[in-house]
Amino acid sequence: MNLNFHVTGLAWLLFSVPLGAAEPARQQDPNAQYQRESARCMAIRTHDERANCLSEASTALASTQPIRLGEDPGRYARNLFLRCDPLPDPERTDCIARMQGKGTTSGSVAGGGIYRELVTREPVAAAPAASSASAAP
């Protein structure tokens, strides 16, 4: 009977706690959370462990910040073409065409890179036919 009372009391205690009270860290100010984590990291004696702890705290703070697009929306378009600048002229023209979306694109940044391919067919001049006069001895 005594054991039954403890189990019932424990169940009452578990169900009487509001569900949101178990996760107060998610509702806190990210900057205040970062300050607490940084202070905790500074107490670590080993340099490498302290650096890892501070890096994780910084990453956690950065993940809470909104993504800001650049002030200059054309910056990304200009950067696409900057990678083509060092190439010699025929390759630069093809590079710009690929950056503009011509050809095929495969792969991903997460997979290690984006592969862009553009196949350009150029006609080859036909070789002149050998004349019969030059072929005779």
Protein backbone atom coordinates (compact mmCIF):
# COMPACT_ATOMS: atom_id res chain seq x y z
CA MET A 1 0.00 0.00 0.00
CA ASN A 2 2.85 2.37 0.76
CA LEU A 3 4.43 1.68 -2.66
CA ASN A 4 1.10 2.43 -4.36
CA PHE A 5 0.98 5.84 -2.66
CA HIS A 6 4.47 6.77 -3.98
CA VAL A 7 3.61 5.74 -7.53
CA THR A 8 0.36 7.71 -7.45
CA GLY A 9 2.13 10.75 -5.98
CA LEU A 10 4.83 10.55 -8.63
CA ALA A 11 2.27 10.32 -11.43
CA TRP A 12 0.41 13.34 -10.03
CA LEU A 13 3.67 15.30 -9.88
CA LEU A 14 4.62 14.41 -13.46
CA PHE A 15 1.27 15.37 -14.94
CA SER A 16 0.88 18.55 -12.90
CA VAL A 17 4.04 20.16 -14.38
CA PRO A 18 3.19 22.28 -17.41
CA LEU A 19 4.66 20.91 -20.61
CA GLY A 20 6.41 24.18 -21.51
CA ALA A 21 8.20 24.38 -18.16
CA ALA A 22 10.47 21.49 -19.10
CA GLU A 23 12.07 23.56 -21.92
CA PRO A 24 12.86 27.05 -20.61
CA ALA A 25 16.11 27.32 -22.63
CA ARG A 26 14.27 27.57 -25.96
CA GLN A 27 12.26 30.56 -24.79
CA GLN A 28 15.27 32.52 -23.49
CA ASP A 29 16.99 35.43 -25.18
CA PRO A 30 19.66 33.98 -27.52
CA ASN A 31 22.23 36.62 -26.50
CA ALA A 32 21.72 35.87 -22.80
CA GLN A 33 22.02 32.15 -23.53
CA TYR A 34 25.27 32.81 -25.42
CA GLN A 35 26.66 34.85 -22.50
CA ARG A 36 25.92 31.99 -20.07
CA GLU A 37 27.45 29.40 -22.40
CA SER A 38 30.55 31.56 -22.93
CA ALA A 39 31.01 32.00 -19.20
CA ARG A 40 30.70 28.24 -18.72
CA CYS A 41 33.26 27.67 -21.49
CA MET A 42 35.77 30.04 -19.91
CA ALA A 43 35.87 27.81 -16.83
CA ILE A 44 37.25 24.93 -18.90
CA ARG A 45 40.98 24.55 -18.31
CA THR A 46 42.07 22.79 -21.50
CA HIS A 47 42.63 25.23 -24.36
CA ASP A 48 41.26 22.94 -27.10
CA GLU A 49 38.14 22.02 -25.13
CA ARG A 50 37.54 25.68 -24.26
CA ALA A 51 37.92 26.69 -27.93
CA ASN A 52 35.49 23.95 -29.02
CA CYS A 53 32.99 25.00 -26.36
CA LEU A 54 33.18 28.66 -27.42
CA SER A 55 32.83 27.67 -31.07
CA GLU A 56 29.70 25.64 -30.31
CA ALA A 57 28.23 28.53 -28.31
CA SER A 58 28.93 30.93 -31.17
CA THR A 59 27.41 28.54 -33.71
CA ALA A 60 24.31 28.13 -31.55
CA LEU A 61 23.90 31.91 -31.37
CA ALA A 62 24.42 32.32 -35.12
CA SER A 63 21.75 29.71 -35.83
CA THR A 64 19.18 31.87 -34.02
CA GLN A 65 19.92 34.96 -36.11
CA PRO A 66 17.85 35.76 -39.20
CA ILE A 67 19.53 35.33 -42.57
CA ARG A 68 20.26 38.74 -44.04
CA LEU A 69 20.41 39.15 -47.77
CA GLY A 70 22.93 41.61 -49.08
CA GLU A 71 22.09 45.24 -49.56
CA ASP A 72 23.01 44.90 -53.24
CA PRO A 73 20.88 42.22 -54.92
CA GLY A 74 23.01 42.38 -58.10
CA ARG A 75 26.10 41.34 -56.14
CA TYR A 76 25.33 37.64 -56.59
CA ALA A 77 24.89 38.02 -60.35
CA ARG A 78 28.23 39.85 -60.63
CA ASN A 79 29.95 37.16 -58.56
CA LEU A 80 28.71 34.50 -60.98
CA PHE A 81 30.63 36.14 -63.80
CA LEU A 82 33.74 36.96 -61.75
CA ARG A 83 34.67 33.27 -61.71
CA CYS A 84 34.79 33.37 -65.53
CA ASP A 85 37.18 36.39 -65.73
CA PRO A 86 40.50 34.51 -65.45
CA LEU A 87 39.66 32.24 -68.41
CA PRO A 88 40.87 32.95 -71.97
CA ASP A 89 38.23 34.32 -74.35
CA PRO A 90 36.71 31.16 -75.91
CA GLU A 91 36.42 29.44 -72.51
CA ARG A 92 35.17 32.65 -70.84
CA THR A 93 32.29 32.89 -73.32
CA ASP A 94 31.30 29.28 -72.60
CA CYS A 95 31.65 29.87 -68.83
CA ILE A 96 29.32 32.88 -68.97
CA ALA A 97 26.80 30.84 -70.96
CA ARG A 98 26.89 28.11 -68.29
CA MET A 99 26.47 30.67 -65.50
CA GLN A 100 23.42 32.05 -67.33
CA GLY A 101 21.81 28.61 -67.18
CA LYS A 102 22.58 27.26 -70.62
CA GLY A 103 23.49 23.59 -70.80
CA THR A 104 22.90 21.06 -68.03
CA THR A 105 23.50 21.35 -64.30
CA SER A 106 23.92 18.49 -61.85
CA GLY A 107 25.18 17.95 -58.34
CA SER A 108 24.80 20.10 -55.25
CA VAL A 109 26.88 22.16 -52.86
CA ALA A 110 26.18 19.63 -50.12
CA GLY A 111 27.31 16.83 -52.43
CA GLY A 112 30.64 18.52 -53.10
CA GLY A 113 29.93 20.82 -56.00
CA ILE A 114 27.72 21.83 -58.87
CA TYR A 115 28.71 20.53 -62.29
CA ARG A 116 27.68 22.65 -65.25
CA GLU A 117 28.10 21.30 -68.77
CA LEU A 118 27.53 23.00 -72.09
CA VAL A 119 28.17 21.09 -75.31
CA THR A 120 28.95 23.31 -78.28
CA ARG A 121 29.13 21.70 -81.71
CA GLU A 122 31.29 23.40 -84.28
CA PRO A 123 31.24 22.37 -87.93
CA VAL A 124 34.52 21.07 -89.27
CA ALA A 125 35.54 22.07 -92.77
CA ALA A 126 35.59 19.11 -95.17
CA ALA A 127 39.04 18.09 -96.35
CA PRO A 128 39.64 18.92 -100.03
CA ALA A 129 39.38 15.92 -102.38
CA ALA A 130 42.68 14.80 -103.85
CA SER A 131 42.92 15.70 -107.53
CA SER A 132 43.54 12.94 -110.05
CA ALA A 133 46.35 14.89 -111.74
CA SER A 134 48.46 14.97 -108.61
CA ALA A 135 47.80 11.30 -107.95
CA ALA A 136 49.14 10.13 -111.34
CA PRO A 137 52.89 9.34 -111.69
